[in-house]
Every structure is written in structure tokens, then in C-alpha cells.
PDB file of N, CA and C in Angstrom:
ATOM      1  N   MET A   1       0.866  -1.211   0.017  1.00  0.00           N
ATOM      2  CA  MET A   1       0.020  -0.021   0.007  1.00  0.00           C
ATOM      3  C   MET A   1       0.857   1.254   0.015  1.00  0.00           C
ATOM      4  N   VAL A   2       0.635   2.190  -0.892  1.00  0.00           N
ATOM      5  CA  VAL A   2       1.389   3.417  -0.994  1.00  0.00           C
ATOM      6  C   VAL A   2       0.807   4.397   0.043  1.00  0.00           C
ATOM      7  N   GLU A   3       1.737   5.024   0.777  1.00  0.00           N
ATOM      8  CA  GLU A   3       1.279   6.006   1.755  1.00  0.00           C
ATOM      9  C   GLU A   3       1.645   7.412   1.219  1.00  0.00           C
ATOM     10  N   PHE A   4       0.680   8.212   1.037  1.00  0.00           N
ATOM     11  CA  PHE A   4       0.876   9.556   0.520  1.00  0.00           C
ATOM     12  C   PHE A   4       1.295  10.493   1.689  1.00  0.00           C
ATOM     13  N   LYS A   5       2.213  11.432   1.333  1.00  0.00           N
ATOM     14  CA  LYS A   5       2.585  12.423   2.308  1.00  0.00           C
ATOM     15  C   LYS A   5       1.417  13.345   2.563  1.00  0.00           C
ATOM     16  N   LYS A   6       1.211  13.740   3.832  1.00  0.00           N
ATOM     17  CA  LYS A   6       0.054  14.531   4.243  1.00  0.00           C
ATOM     18  C   LYS A   6       0.476  15.997   4.374  1.00  0.00           C
ATOM     19  N   ILE A   7      -0.222  16.907   3.727  1.00  0.00           N
ATOM     20  CA  ILE A   7       0.007  18.319   3.757  1.00  0.00           C
ATOM     21  C   ILE A   7      -1.207  19.006   4.273  1.00  0.00           C
ATOM     22  N   LEU A   8      -1.047  19.857   5.301  1.00  0.00           N
ATOM     23  CA  LEU A   8      -2.076  20.685   5.811  1.00  0.00           C
ATOM     24  C   LEU A   8      -1.908  22.095   5.261  1.00  0.00           C
ATOM     25  N   VAL A   9      -2.994  22.610   4.683  1.00  0.00           N
ATOM     26  CA  VAL A   9      -3.005  23.898   4.039  1.00  0.00           C
ATOM     27  C   VAL A   9      -3.946  24.776   4.896  1.00  0.00           C
ATOM     28  N   VAL A  10      -3.407  25.932   5.458  1.00  0.00           N
ATOM     29  CA  VAL A  10      -4.165  26.740   6.335  1.00  0.00           C
ATOM     30  C   VAL A  10      -4.216  28.124   5.603  1.00  0.00           C
ATOM     31  N   ASP A  11      -5.447  28.538   5.283  1.00  0.00           N
ATOM     32  CA  ASP A  11      -5.648  29.839   4.535  1.00  0.00           C
ATOM     33  C   ASP A  11      -7.109  30.226   4.633  1.00  0.00           C
ATOM     34  N   ASP A  12      -7.370  31.492   4.807  1.00  0.00           N
ATOM     35  CA  ASP A  12      -8.734  31.947   4.876  1.00  0.00           C
ATOM     36  C   ASP A  12      -9.392  32.198   3.543  1.00  0.00           C
ATOM     37  N   ASP A  13      -8.659  32.060   2.429  1.00  0.00           N
ATOM     38  CA  ASP A  13      -9.200  32.250   1.098  1.00  0.00           C
ATOM     39  C   ASP A  13      -9.618  30.809   0.624  1.00  0.00           C
ATOM     40  N   LYS A  14     -10.952  30.705   0.484  1.00  0.00           N
ATOM     41  CA  LYS A  14     -11.550  29.416   0.048  1.00  0.00           C
ATOM     42  C   LYS A  14     -11.136  28.981  -1.306  1.00  0.00           C
ATOM     43  N   VAL A  15     -11.066  29.969  -2.240  1.00  0.00           N
ATOM     44  CA  VAL A  15     -10.627  29.664  -3.597  1.00  0.00           C
ATOM     45  C   VAL A  15      -9.183  29.143  -3.641  1.00  0.00           C
ATOM     46  N   PHE A  16      -8.318  29.813  -2.862  1.00  0.00           N
ATOM     47  CA  PHE A  16      -6.942  29.380  -2.747  1.00  0.00           C
ATOM     48  C   PHE A  16      -6.837  27.969  -2.216  1.00  0.00           C
ATOM     49  N   LEU A  17      -7.643  27.724  -1.168  1.00  0.00           N
ATOM     50  CA  LEU A  17      -7.633  26.349  -0.563  1.00  0.00           C
ATOM     51  C   LEU A  17      -7.936  25.292  -1.638  1.00  0.00           C
ATOM     52  N   ARG A  18      -9.033  25.559  -2.397  1.00  0.00           N
ATOM     53  CA  ARG A  18      -9.437  24.572  -3.375  1.00  0.00           C
ATOM     54  C   ARG A  18      -8.346  24.407  -4.457  1.00  0.00           C
ATOM     55  N   LEU A  19      -7.744  25.482  -4.896  1.00  0.00           N
ATOM     56  CA  LEU A  19      -6.701  25.423  -5.929  1.00  0.00           C
ATOM     57  C   LEU A  19      -5.495  24.618  -5.444  1.00  0.00           C
ATOM     58  N   VAL A  20      -5.041  24.918  -4.218  1.00  0.00           N
ATOM     59  CA  VAL A  20      -3.899  24.233  -3.714  1.00  0.00           C
ATOM     60  C   VAL A  20      -4.188  22.725  -3.458  1.00  0.00           C
ATOM     61  N   GLU A  21      -5.365  22.515  -2.938  1.00  0.00           N
ATOM     62  CA  GLU A  21      -5.795  21.126  -2.684  1.00  0.00           C
ATOM     63  C   GLU A  21      -5.798  20.305  -4.030  1.00  0.00           C
ATOM     64  N   TYR A  22      -6.358  20.932  -5.089  1.00  0.00           N
ATOM     65  CA  TYR A  22      -6.332  20.298  -6.381  1.00  0.00           C
ATOM     66  C   TYR A  22      -4.935  20.041  -6.877  1.00  0.00           C
ATOM     67  N   ASP A  23      -4.067  21.035  -6.856  1.00  0.00           N
ATOM     68  CA  ASP A  23      -2.751  20.946  -7.437  1.00  0.00           C
ATOM     69  C   ASP A  23      -1.927  19.881  -6.630  1.00  0.00           C
ATOM     70  N   LEU A  24      -1.954  19.932  -5.295  1.00  0.00           N
ATOM     71  CA  LEU A  24      -1.229  18.946  -4.527  1.00  0.00           C
ATOM     72  C   LEU A  24      -1.736  17.553  -4.621  1.00  0.00           C
ATOM     73  N   THR A  25      -3.025  17.377  -4.622  1.00  0.00           N
ATOM     74  CA  THR A  25      -3.666  16.042  -4.720  1.00  0.00           C
ATOM     75  C   THR A  25      -3.269  15.411  -6.126  1.00  0.00           C
ATOM     76  N   LYS A  26      -3.300  16.211  -7.148  1.00  0.00           N
ATOM     77  CA  LYS A  26      -2.934  15.826  -8.470  1.00  0.00           C
ATOM     78  C   LYS A  26      -1.509  15.376  -8.571  1.00  0.00           C
ATOM     79  N   ASN A  27      -0.648  15.922  -7.644  1.00  0.00           N
ATOM     80  CA  ASN A  27       0.797  15.533  -7.593  1.00  0.00           C
ATOM     81  C   ASN A  27       1.044  14.500  -6.496  1.00  0.00           C
ATOM     82  N   GLY A  28       0.096  13.804  -5.995  1.00  0.00           N
ATOM     83  CA  GLY A  28       0.319  12.656  -5.170  1.00  0.00           C
ATOM     84  C   GLY A  28       0.339  12.913  -3.669  1.00  0.00           C
ATOM     85  N   PHE A  29      -0.192  14.035  -3.193  1.00  0.00           N
ATOM     86  CA  PHE A  29      -0.258  14.317  -1.787  1.00  0.00           C
ATOM     87  C   PHE A  29      -1.602  14.121  -1.234  1.00  0.00           C
ATOM     88  N   ASP A  30      -1.641  13.785   0.011  1.00  0.00           N
ATOM     89  CA  ASP A  30      -2.907  13.739   0.798  1.00  0.00           C
ATOM     90  C   ASP A  30      -3.058  15.119   1.369  1.00  0.00           C
ATOM     91  N   VAL A  31      -4.094  15.851   1.097  1.00  0.00           N
ATOM     92  CA  VAL A  31      -4.272  17.252   1.511  1.00  0.00           C
ATOM     93  C   VAL A  31      -5.446  17.404   2.487  1.00  0.00           C
ATOM     94  N   ILE A  32      -5.154  18.142   3.573  1.00  0.00           N
ATOM     95  CA  ILE A  32      -6.110  18.559   4.502  1.00  0.00           C
ATOM     96  C   ILE A  32      -6.156  20.065   4.535  1.00  0.00           C
ATOM     97  N   THR A  33      -7.345  20.681   4.599  1.00  0.00           N
ATOM     98  CA  THR A  33      -7.421  22.123   4.571  1.00  0.00           C
ATOM     99  C   THR A  33      -8.075  22.665   5.856  1.00  0.00           C
ATOM    100  N   ALA A  34      -7.655  23.857   6.196  1.00  0.00           N
ATOM    101  CA  ALA A  34      -8.181  24.557   7.341  1.00  0.00           C
ATOM    102  C   ALA A  34      -8.478  26.032   6.942  1.00  0.00           C
ATOM    103  N   PRO A  35      -9.676  26.547   7.202  1.00  0.00           N
ATOM    104  CA  PRO A  35     -10.073  27.872   6.775  1.00  0.00           C
ATOM    105  C   PRO A  35      -9.580  28.985   7.694  1.00  0.00           C
ATOM    106  N   ASP A  36      -8.909  28.633   8.805  1.00  0.00           N
ATOM    107  CA  ASP A  36      -8.420  29.660   9.724  1.00  0.00           C
ATOM    108  C   ASP A  36      -7.291  29.034  10.589  1.00  0.00           C
ATOM    109  N   GLY A  37      -6.564  29.947  11.301  1.00  0.00           N
ATOM    110  CA  GLY A  37      -5.488  29.480  12.127  1.00  0.00           C
ATOM    111  C   GLY A  37      -5.836  28.584  13.273  1.00  0.00           C
ATOM    112  N   GLU A  38      -6.983  28.826  13.871  1.00  0.00           N
ATOM    113  CA  GLU A  38      -7.417  28.009  15.038  1.00  0.00           C
ATOM    114  C   GLU A  38      -7.660  26.562  14.601  1.00  0.00           C
ATOM    115  N   MET A  39      -8.346  26.420  13.494  1.00  0.00           N
ATOM    116  CA  MET A  39      -8.596  25.089  12.944  1.00  0.00           C
ATOM    117  C   MET A  39      -7.283  24.406  12.446  1.00  0.00           C
ATOM    118  N   GLY A  40      -6.361  25.222  11.923  1.00  0.00           N
ATOM    119  CA  GLY A  40      -5.072  24.778  11.483  1.00  0.00           C
ATOM    120  C   GLY A  40      -4.320  24.146  12.626  1.00  0.00           C
ATOM    121  N   VAL A  41      -4.284  24.838  13.762  1.00  0.00           N
ATOM    122  CA  VAL A  41      -3.554  24.301  14.953  1.00  0.00           C
ATOM    123  C   VAL A  41      -4.221  22.991  15.399  1.00  0.00           C
ATOM    124  N   LEU A  42      -5.528  22.936  15.472  1.00  0.00           N
ATOM    125  CA  LEU A  42      -6.240  21.756  15.911  1.00  0.00           C
ATOM    126  C   LEU A  42      -5.934  20.578  14.909  1.00  0.00           C
ATOM    127  N   LEU A  43      -5.991  20.817  13.608  1.00  0.00           N
ATOM    128  CA  LEU A  43      -5.687  19.779  12.656  1.00  0.00           C
ATOM    129  C   LEU A  43      -4.214  19.321  12.694  1.00  0.00           C
ATOM    130  N   ALA A  44      -3.330  20.279  12.951  1.00  0.00           N
ATOM    131  CA  ALA A  44      -1.927  19.866  13.073  1.00  0.00           C
ATOM    132  C   ALA A  44      -1.744  18.895  14.216  1.00  0.00           C
ATOM    133  N   LYS A  45      -2.472  19.117  15.321  1.00  0.00           N
ATOM    134  CA  LYS A  45      -2.335  18.257  16.477  1.00  0.00           C
ATOM    135  C   LYS A  45      -2.985  16.933  16.265  1.00  0.00           C
ATOM    136  N   THR A  46      -4.103  16.877  15.555  1.00  0.00           N
ATOM    137  CA  THR A  46      -4.815  15.612  15.427  1.00  0.00           C
ATOM    138  C   THR A  46      -4.558  14.824  14.185  1.00  0.00           C
ATOM    139  N   GLN A  47      -4.071  15.471  13.117  1.00  0.00           N
ATOM    140  CA  GLN A  47      -3.865  14.810  11.809  1.00  0.00           C
ATOM    141  C   GLN A  47      -2.368  14.473  11.472  1.00  0.00           C
ATOM    142  N   ASN A  48      -1.410  14.979  12.329  1.00  0.00           N
ATOM    143  CA  ASN A  48      -0.051  14.675  12.055  1.00  0.00           C
ATOM    144  C   ASN A  48       0.422  14.969  10.597  1.00  0.00           C
ATOM    145  N   PRO A  49       0.316  16.138  10.108  1.00  0.00           N
ATOM    146  CA  PRO A  49       0.740  16.339   8.749  1.00  0.00           C
ATOM    147  C   PRO A  49       2.280  16.263   8.619  1.00  0.00           C
ATOM    148  N   ASP A  50       2.742  15.981   7.443  1.00  0.00           N
ATOM    149  CA  ASP A  50       4.132  15.970   7.174  1.00  0.00           C
ATOM    150  C   ASP A  50       4.706  17.295   6.944  1.00  0.00           C
ATOM    151  N   LEU A  51       3.818  18.282   6.539  1.00  0.00           N
ATOM    152  CA  LEU A  51       4.228  19.646   6.219  1.00  0.00           C
ATOM    153  C   LEU A  51       2.989  20.536   6.335  1.00  0.00           C
ATOM    154  N   ILE A  52       3.198  21.838   6.569  1.00  0.00           N
ATOM    155  CA  ILE A  52       2.081  22.755   6.599  1.00  0.00           C
ATOM    156  C   ILE A  52       2.378  23.940   5.641  1.00  0.00           C
ATOM    157  N   LEU A  53       1.437  24.242   4.798  1.00  0.00           N
ATOM    158  CA  LEU A  53       1.456  25.449   4.007  1.00  0.00           C
ATOM    159  C   LEU A  53       0.569  26.423   4.749  1.00  0.00           C
ATOM    160  N   LEU A  54       1.068  27.621   5.088  1.00  0.00           N
ATOM    161  CA  LEU A  54       0.416  28.533   5.992  1.00  0.00           C
ATOM    162  C   LEU A  54       0.372  29.922   5.451  1.00  0.00           C
ATOM    163  N   ASP A  55      -0.802  30.496   5.454  1.00  0.00           N
ATOM    164  CA  ASP A  55      -0.926  31.978   5.108  1.00  0.00           C
ATOM    165  C   ASP A  55      -0.537  32.760   6.287  1.00  0.00           C
ATOM    166  N   ILE A  56      -0.004  33.940   6.053  1.00  0.00           N
ATOM    167  CA  ILE A  56       0.442  34.841   7.179  1.00  0.00           C
ATOM    168  C   ILE A  56      -0.715  35.662   7.658  1.00  0.00           C
ATOM    169  N   ASN A  57      -1.453  36.295   6.770  1.00  0.00           N
ATOM    170  CA  ASN A  57      -2.460  37.292   7.109  1.00  0.00           C
ATOM    171  C   ASN A  57      -3.846  36.563   7.136  1.00  0.00           C
ATOM    172  N   MET A  58      -4.334  36.282   8.346  1.00  0.00           N
ATOM    173  CA  MET A  58      -5.638  35.677   8.524  1.00  0.00           C
ATOM    174  C   MET A  58      -6.403  36.401   9.657  1.00  0.00           C
ATOM    175  N   PRO A  59      -7.696  36.465   9.637  1.00  0.00           N
ATOM    176  CA  PRO A  59      -8.484  37.202  10.617  1.00  0.00           C
ATOM    177  C   PRO A  59      -8.375  36.748  12.048  1.00  0.00           C
ATOM    178  N   ASP A  60      -8.324  35.431  12.326  1.00  0.00           N
ATOM    179  CA  ASP A  60      -8.333  35.049  13.722  1.00  0.00           C
ATOM    180  C   ASP A  60      -6.972  34.953  14.307  1.00  0.00           C
ATOM    181  N   LEU A  61      -6.211  34.021  13.904  1.00  0.00           N
ATOM    182  CA  LEU A  61      -4.841  33.840  14.332  1.00  0.00           C
ATOM    183  C   LEU A  61      -3.949  34.075  13.023  1.00  0.00           C
ATOM    184  N   GLU A  62      -3.030  35.018  13.135  1.00  0.00           N
ATOM    185  CA  GLU A  62      -2.120  35.247  12.016  1.00  0.00           C
ATOM    186  C   GLU A  62      -1.124  34.093  11.980  1.00  0.00           C
ATOM    187  N   GLY A  63      -0.491  33.938  10.807  1.00  0.00           N
ATOM    188  CA  GLY A  63       0.491  32.849  10.633  1.00  0.00           C
ATOM    189  C   GLY A  63       1.545  32.758  11.719  1.00  0.00           C
ATOM    190  N   GLY A  64       2.061  33.919  12.136  1.00  0.00           N
ATOM    191  CA  GLY A  64       3.064  33.974  13.140  1.00  0.00           C
ATOM    192  C   GLY A  64       2.580  33.439  14.509  1.00  0.00           C
ATOM    193  N   ASP A  65       1.286  33.708  14.779  1.00  0.00           N
ATOM    194  CA  ASP A  65       0.681  33.149  15.999  1.00  0.00           C
ATOM    195  C   ASP A  65       0.562  31.643  15.936  1.00  0.00           C
ATOM    196  N   VAL A  66       0.129  31.153  14.718  1.00  0.00           N
ATOM    197  CA  VAL A  66       0.009  29.729  14.557  1.00  0.00           C
ATOM    198  C   VAL A  66       1.348  29.006  14.702  1.00  0.00           C
ATOM    199  N   VAL A  67       2.402  29.618  14.096  1.00  0.00           N
ATOM    200  CA  VAL A  67       3.765  28.998  14.235  1.00  0.00           C
ATOM    201  C   VAL A  67       4.171  29.008  15.691  1.00  0.00           C
ATOM    202  N   ALA A  68       3.924  30.077  16.401  1.00  0.00           N
ATOM    203  CA  ALA A  68       4.306  30.119  17.858  1.00  0.00           C
ATOM    204  C   ALA A  68       3.582  28.956  18.654  1.00  0.00           C
ATOM    205  N   MET A  69       2.328  28.739  18.370  1.00  0.00           N
ATOM    206  CA  MET A  69       1.572  27.765  19.072  1.00  0.00           C
ATOM    207  C   MET A  69       2.091  26.358  18.712  1.00  0.00           C
ATOM    208  N   LEU A  70       2.393  26.128  17.399  1.00  0.00           N
ATOM    209  CA  LEU A  70       2.849  24.811  16.982  1.00  0.00           C
ATOM    210  C   LEU A  70       4.245  24.553  17.509  1.00  0.00           C
ATOM    211  N   GLU A  71       5.104  25.513  17.496  1.00  0.00           N
ATOM    212  CA  GLU A  71       6.478  25.373  18.033  1.00  0.00           C
ATOM    213  C   GLU A  71       6.513  25.172  19.534  1.00  0.00           C
ATOM    214  N   ALA A  72       5.511  25.643  20.284  1.00  0.00           N
ATOM    215  CA  ALA A  72       5.431  25.478  21.697  1.00  0.00           C
ATOM    216  C   ALA A  72       4.973  24.071  22.080  1.00  0.00           C
ATOM    217  N   ASN A  73       4.444  23.315  21.184  1.00  0.00           N
ATOM    218  CA  ASN A  73       3.841  21.984  21.480  1.00  0.00           C
ATOM    219  C   ASN A  73       4.884  20.906  20.934  1.00  0.00           C
ATOM    220  N   PRO A  74       5.345  20.043  21.831  1.00  0.00           N
ATOM    221  CA  PRO A  74       6.324  18.979  21.431  1.00  0.00           C
ATOM    222  C   PRO A  74       5.788  18.114  20.292  1.00  0.00           C
ATOM    223  N   GLU A  75       4.473  17.951  20.213  1.00  0.00           N
ATOM    224  CA  GLU A  75       3.890  17.070  19.153  1.00  0.00           C
ATOM    225  C   GLU A  75       3.899  17.711  17.811  1.00  0.00           C
ATOM    226  N   THR A  76       3.936  19.048  17.725  1.00  0.00           N
ATOM    227  CA  THR A  76       3.866  19.743  16.445  1.00  0.00           C
ATOM    228  C   THR A  76       5.123  20.598  16.122  1.00  0.00           C
ATOM    229  N   GLN A  77       6.043  20.742  17.038  1.00  0.00           N
ATOM    230  CA  GLN A  77       7.148  21.631  16.851  1.00  0.00           C
ATOM    231  C   GLN A  77       8.099  21.339  15.730  1.00  0.00           C
ATOM    232  N   ASN A  78       8.093  20.103  15.231  1.00  0.00           N
ATOM    233  CA  ASN A  78       9.046  19.771  14.188  1.00  0.00           C
ATOM    234  C   ASN A  78       8.401  19.631  12.838  1.00  0.00           C
ATOM    235  N   ILE A  79       7.120  20.028  12.687  1.00  0.00           N
ATOM    236  CA  ILE A  79       6.439  19.967  11.361  1.00  0.00           C
ATOM    237  C   ILE A  79       6.995  21.116  10.581  1.00  0.00           C
ATOM    238  N   PRO A  80       7.548  20.795   9.342  1.00  0.00           N
ATOM    239  CA  PRO A  80       8.033  21.862   8.434  1.00  0.00           C
ATOM    240  C   PRO A  80       6.847  22.742   8.058  1.00  0.00           C
ATOM    241  N   ILE A  81       7.151  24.063   7.967  1.00  0.00           N
ATOM    242  CA  ILE A  81       6.112  25.024   7.577  1.00  0.00           C
ATOM    243  C   ILE A  81       6.656  25.875   6.385  1.00  0.00           C
ATOM    244  N   ILE A  82       5.778  26.027   5.445  1.00  0.00           N
ATOM    245  CA  ILE A  82       6.062  26.956   4.243  1.00  0.00           C
ATOM    246  C   ILE A  82       4.954  27.987   4.269  1.00  0.00           C
ATOM    247  N   PHE A  83       5.378  29.243   4.397  1.00  0.00           N
ATOM    248  CA  PHE A  83       4.426  30.361   4.294  1.00  0.00           C
ATOM    249  C   PHE A  83       4.106  30.592   2.856  1.00  0.00           C
ATOM    250  N   VAL A  84       2.783  30.695   2.558  1.00  0.00           N
ATOM    251  CA  VAL A  84       2.331  31.130   1.191  1.00  0.00           C
ATOM    252  C   VAL A  84       1.462  32.332   1.393  1.00  0.00           C
ATOM    253  N   THR A  85       1.920  33.494   0.905  1.00  0.00           N
ATOM    254  CA  THR A  85       1.233  34.723   1.332  1.00  0.00           C
ATOM    255  C   THR A  85       1.270  35.757   0.153  1.00  0.00           C
ATOM    256  N   ALA A  86       0.214  36.637   0.191  1.00  0.00           N
ATOM    257  CA  ALA A  86       0.151  37.744  -0.768  1.00  0.00           C
ATOM    258  C   ALA A  86       0.914  38.922  -0.261  1.00  0.00           C
ATOM    259  N   LEU A  87       1.577  38.808   0.957  1.00  0.00           N
ATOM    260  CA  LEU A  87       2.252  39.931   1.535  1.00  0.00           C
ATOM    261  C   LEU A  87       3.627  40.179   0.933  1.00  0.00           C
ATOM    262  N   LEU A  88       4.172  39.172   0.156  1.00  0.00           N
ATOM    263  CA  LEU A  88       5.463  39.266  -0.405  1.00  0.00           C
ATOM    264  C   LEU A  88       5.419  39.401  -1.933  1.00  0.00           C
ATOM    265  N   THR A  89       6.333  40.183  -2.441  1.00  0.00           N
ATOM    266  CA  THR A  89       6.554  40.161  -3.938  1.00  0.00           C
ATOM    267  C   THR A  89       7.391  39.018  -4.291  1.00  0.00           C
ATOM    268  N   LYS A  90       7.512  38.657  -5.600  1.00  0.00           N
ATOM    269  CA  LYS A  90       8.439  37.561  -5.965  1.00  0.00           C
ATOM    270  C   LYS A  90       9.833  37.912  -5.620  1.00  0.00           C
ATOM    271  N   HIS A  91      10.260  39.172  -5.695  1.00  0.00           N
ATOM    272  CA  HIS A  91      11.618  39.570  -5.339  1.00  0.00           C
ATOM    273  C   HIS A  91      11.880  39.394  -3.828  1.00  0.00           C
ATOM    274  N   GLU A  92      10.943  39.766  -3.051  1.00  0.00           N
ATOM    275  CA  GLU A  92      11.081  39.604  -1.582  1.00  0.00           C
ATOM    276  C   GLU A  92      11.109  38.153  -1.219  1.00  0.00           C
ATOM    277  N   GLU A  93      10.337  37.336  -1.934  1.00  0.00           N
ATOM    278  CA  GLU A  93      10.343  35.873  -1.743  1.00  0.00           C
ATOM    279  C   GLU A  93      11.735  35.261  -1.941  1.00  0.00           C
ATOM    280  N   GLU A  94      12.321  35.667  -3.080  1.00  0.00           N
ATOM    281  CA  GLU A  94      13.674  35.126  -3.363  1.00  0.00           C
ATOM    282  C   GLU A  94      14.690  35.608  -2.357  1.00  0.00           C
ATOM    283  N   ARG A  95      14.626  36.824  -2.003  1.00  0.00           N
ATOM    284  CA  ARG A  95      15.553  37.398  -1.056  1.00  0.00           C
ATOM    285  C   ARG A  95      15.404  36.740   0.356  1.00  0.00           C
ATOM    286  N   ARG A  96      14.182  36.545   0.821  1.00  0.00           N
ATOM    287  CA  ARG A  96      13.937  35.987   2.075  1.00  0.00           C
ATOM    288  C   ARG A  96      14.306  34.464   2.081  1.00  0.00           C
ATOM    289  N   ASN A  97      14.084  33.787   1.021  1.00  0.00           N
ATOM    290  CA  ASN A  97      14.469  32.317   0.954  1.00  0.00           C
ATOM    291  C   ASN A  97      15.985  32.143   0.883  1.00  0.00           C
ATOM    292  N   ASN A  98      16.726  33.177   0.439  1.00  0.00           N
ATOM    293  CA  ASN A  98      18.201  33.069   0.378  1.00  0.00           C
ATOM    294  C   ASN A  98      18.829  33.323   1.773  1.00  0.00           C
ATOM    295  N   MET A  99      18.040  33.909   2.687  1.00  0.00           N
ATOM    296  CA  MET A  99      18.529  34.171   4.000  1.00  0.00           C
ATOM    297  C   MET A  99      18.422  32.873   4.850  1.00  0.00           C
ATOM    298  N   MET A 100      19.240  32.748   5.837  1.00  0.00           N
ATOM    299  CA  MET A 100      19.141  31.578   6.728  1.00  0.00           C
ATOM    300  C   MET A 100      17.792  31.674   7.500  1.00  0.00           C
ATOM    301  N   GLY A 101      17.076  30.647   7.560  1.00  0.00           N
ATOM    302  CA  GLY A 101      15.820  30.662   8.304  1.00  0.00           C
ATOM    303  C   GLY A 101      15.186  29.324   8.214  1.00  0.00           C
ATOM    304  N   LYS A 102      14.283  29.109   9.204  1.00  0.00           N
ATOM    305  CA  LYS A 102      13.645  27.804   9.389  1.00  0.00           C
ATOM    306  C   LYS A 102      12.531  27.597   8.423  1.00  0.00           C
ATOM    307  N   HIS A 103      11.824  28.671   8.032  1.00  0.00           N
ATOM    308  CA  HIS A 103      10.622  28.537   7.207  1.00  0.00           C
ATOM    309  C   HIS A 103      10.888  29.176   5.799  1.00  0.00           C
ATOM    310  N   SER A 104      10.243  28.503   4.787  1.00  0.00           N
ATOM    311  CA  SER A 104      10.316  29.083   3.463  1.00  0.00           C
ATOM    312  C   SER A 104       9.082  29.961   3.186  1.00  0.00           C
ATOM    313  N   PHE A 105       9.205  30.929   2.281  1.00  0.00           N
ATOM    314  CA  PHE A 105       8.150  31.859   1.944  1.00  0.00           C
ATOM    315  C   PHE A 105       7.913  31.798   0.446  1.00  0.00           C
ATOM    316  N   PHE A 106       6.633  31.778   0.070  1.00  0.00           N
ATOM    317  CA  PHE A 106       6.210  31.805  -1.341  1.00  0.00           C
ATOM    318  C   PHE A 106       5.125  32.846  -1.439  1.00  0.00           C
ATOM    319  N   SER A 107       5.184  33.678  -2.529  1.00  0.00           N
ATOM    320  CA  SER A 107       4.182  34.711  -2.684  1.00  0.00           C
ATOM    321  C   SER A 107       3.042  34.103  -3.569  1.00  0.00           C
ATOM    322  N   LYS A 108       1.899  34.667  -3.391  1.00  0.00           N
ATOM    323  CA  LYS A 108       0.724  34.328  -4.211  1.00  0.00           C
ATOM    324  C   LYS A 108       0.677  35.264  -5.329  1.00  0.00           C
ATOM    325  N   PRO A 109       0.326  34.798  -6.519  1.00  0.00           N
ATOM    326  CA  PRO A 109       0.043  33.344  -6.858  1.00  0.00           C
ATOM    327  C   PRO A 109       1.338  32.589  -6.850  1.00  0.00           C
ATOM    328  N   TYR A 110       1.375  31.330  -6.425  1.00  0.00           N
ATOM    329  CA  TYR A 110       2.523  30.537  -6.367  1.00  0.00           C
ATOM    330  C   TYR A 110       2.850  29.931  -7.650  1.00  0.00           C
ATOM    331  N   ASN A 111       4.124  29.563  -7.892  1.00  0.00           N
ATOM    332  CA  ASN A 111       4.566  28.769  -8.981  1.00  0.00           C
ATOM    333  C   ASN A 111       4.561  27.324  -8.500  1.00  0.00           C
ATOM    334  N   LEU A 112       3.723  26.517  -9.087  1.00  0.00           N
ATOM    335  CA  LEU A 112       3.503  25.158  -8.611  1.00  0.00           C
ATOM    336  C   LEU A 112       4.751  24.357  -8.656  1.00  0.00           C
ATOM    337  N   GLN A 113       5.562  24.410  -9.740  1.00  0.00           N
ATOM    338  CA  GLN A 113       6.763  23.594  -9.834  1.00  0.00           C
ATOM    339  C   GLN A 113       7.744  23.986  -8.712  1.00  0.00           C
ATOM    340  N   ARG A 114       7.964  25.207  -8.486  1.00  0.00           N
ATOM    341  CA  ARG A 114       8.818  25.703  -7.413  1.00  0.00           C
ATOM    342  C   ARG A 114       8.321  25.295  -6.050  1.00  0.00           C
ATOM    343  N   LEU A 115       7.030  25.397  -5.879  1.00  0.00           N
ATOM    344  CA  LEU A 115       6.444  24.955  -4.581  1.00  0.00           C
ATOM    345  C   LEU A 115       6.645  23.458  -4.362  1.00  0.00           C
ATOM    346  N   LEU A 116       6.418  22.668  -5.380  1.00  0.00           N
ATOM    347  CA  LEU A 116       6.643  21.181  -5.256  1.00  0.00           C
ATOM    348  C   LEU A 116       8.102  20.914  -4.957  1.00  0.00           C
ATOM    349  N   GLU A 117       8.991  21.640  -5.577  1.00  0.00           N
ATOM    350  CA  GLU A 117      10.430  21.495  -5.303  1.00  0.00           C
ATOM    351  C   GLU A 117      10.729  21.750  -3.808  1.00  0.00           C
ATOM    352  N   GLU A 118      10.131  22.890  -3.275  1.00  0.00           N
ATOM    353  CA  GLU A 118      10.358  23.228  -1.902  1.00  0.00           C
ATOM    354  C   GLU A 118       9.772  22.261  -0.938  1.00  0.00           C
ATOM    355  N   ILE A 119       8.567  21.707  -1.272  1.00  0.00           N
ATOM    356  CA  ILE A 119       7.916  20.666  -0.450  1.00  0.00           C
ATOM    357  C   ILE A 119       8.837  19.422  -0.420  1.00  0.00           C
ATOM    358  N   ASP A 120       9.382  19.025  -1.582  1.00  0.00           N
ATOM    359  CA  ASP A 120      10.297  17.884  -1.597  1.00  0.00           C
ATOM    360  C   ASP A 120      11.508  18.052  -0.754  1.00  0.00           C
ATOM    361  N   LYS A 121      11.983  19.294  -0.560  1.00  0.00           N
ATOM    362  CA  LYS A 121      13.132  19.557   0.322  1.00  0.00           C
ATOM    363  C   LYS A 121      12.801  19.238   1.766  1.00  0.00           C
ATOM    364  N   HIS A 122      11.578  19.375   2.144  1.00  0.00           N
ATOM    365  CA  HIS A 122      11.147  19.252   3.556  1.00  0.00           C
ATOM    366  C   HIS A 122      10.618  17.897   3.919  1.00  0.00           C
ATOM    367  N   ILE A 123      10.021  17.148   2.965  1.00  0.00           N
ATOM    368  CA  ILE A 123       9.469  15.860   3.303  1.00  0.00           C
ATOM    369  C   ILE A 123       9.879  14.705   2.406  1.00  0.00           C
TER     370      ILE A 123
END
């Protein structure tokens, strides 16, 4: 039996969630979606994803708050996180990803091939 890698996508944009779910499922991933940060934290704890794609700017818990909660919990602190956000330009994305850091950043709209390459680096 083939086991698919599980990715949790946390974003308040429903259209974006459907698009990412489609793209990642089509590329062999098991995808779980959360429409807000609070649900994202809950699903990270209960579903054990291999990686999280996380929006930064959300109405309830912002991405930074979600990361802080996940990193404070021994069960979720080692899950790789990739931020996917409209807050960065493509140039800022490249500059930030070239800096030393734990999390990767991708601007919306994302380049699927580059996103898949970054996912492969983490899982």
C-alpha cells in the first residue's frame, strides 16, 4: 500500500484552498485544509501532517501566532512550515528564501513547480 505524504494547508481564502488542494492532490499528496489558524492548529495536532502550507495574514490567528503555538507543542514543533502569502513580492520571496531561516516563503500566486520542489526539500 502506498502512503501519501500529508500536507495541511491553512488559509482563509476558500478559492486558494481549493486550488492548492487540487494541485497537490494531483501531484500525489494527501491534503487537509483549514479555513483559519485556530482550525489549522487543531488539525496539526490531530492529523499529524508531514508539512504545513500557511498563510500569514488571517483574521483570527495570524500565521506567526499559529507558528508560535505549533512550536510550543512538542507534538507539532518539528512539522516543516512553508508560508504562502500575498504579503510578499516575488523579489522579496527570493531574497527571504536566500537568508538563513527555518521557514520558506512563497508569494501568491505561487509557482507550482517551485512549490513542489520546496515541499520535496522538507518531506
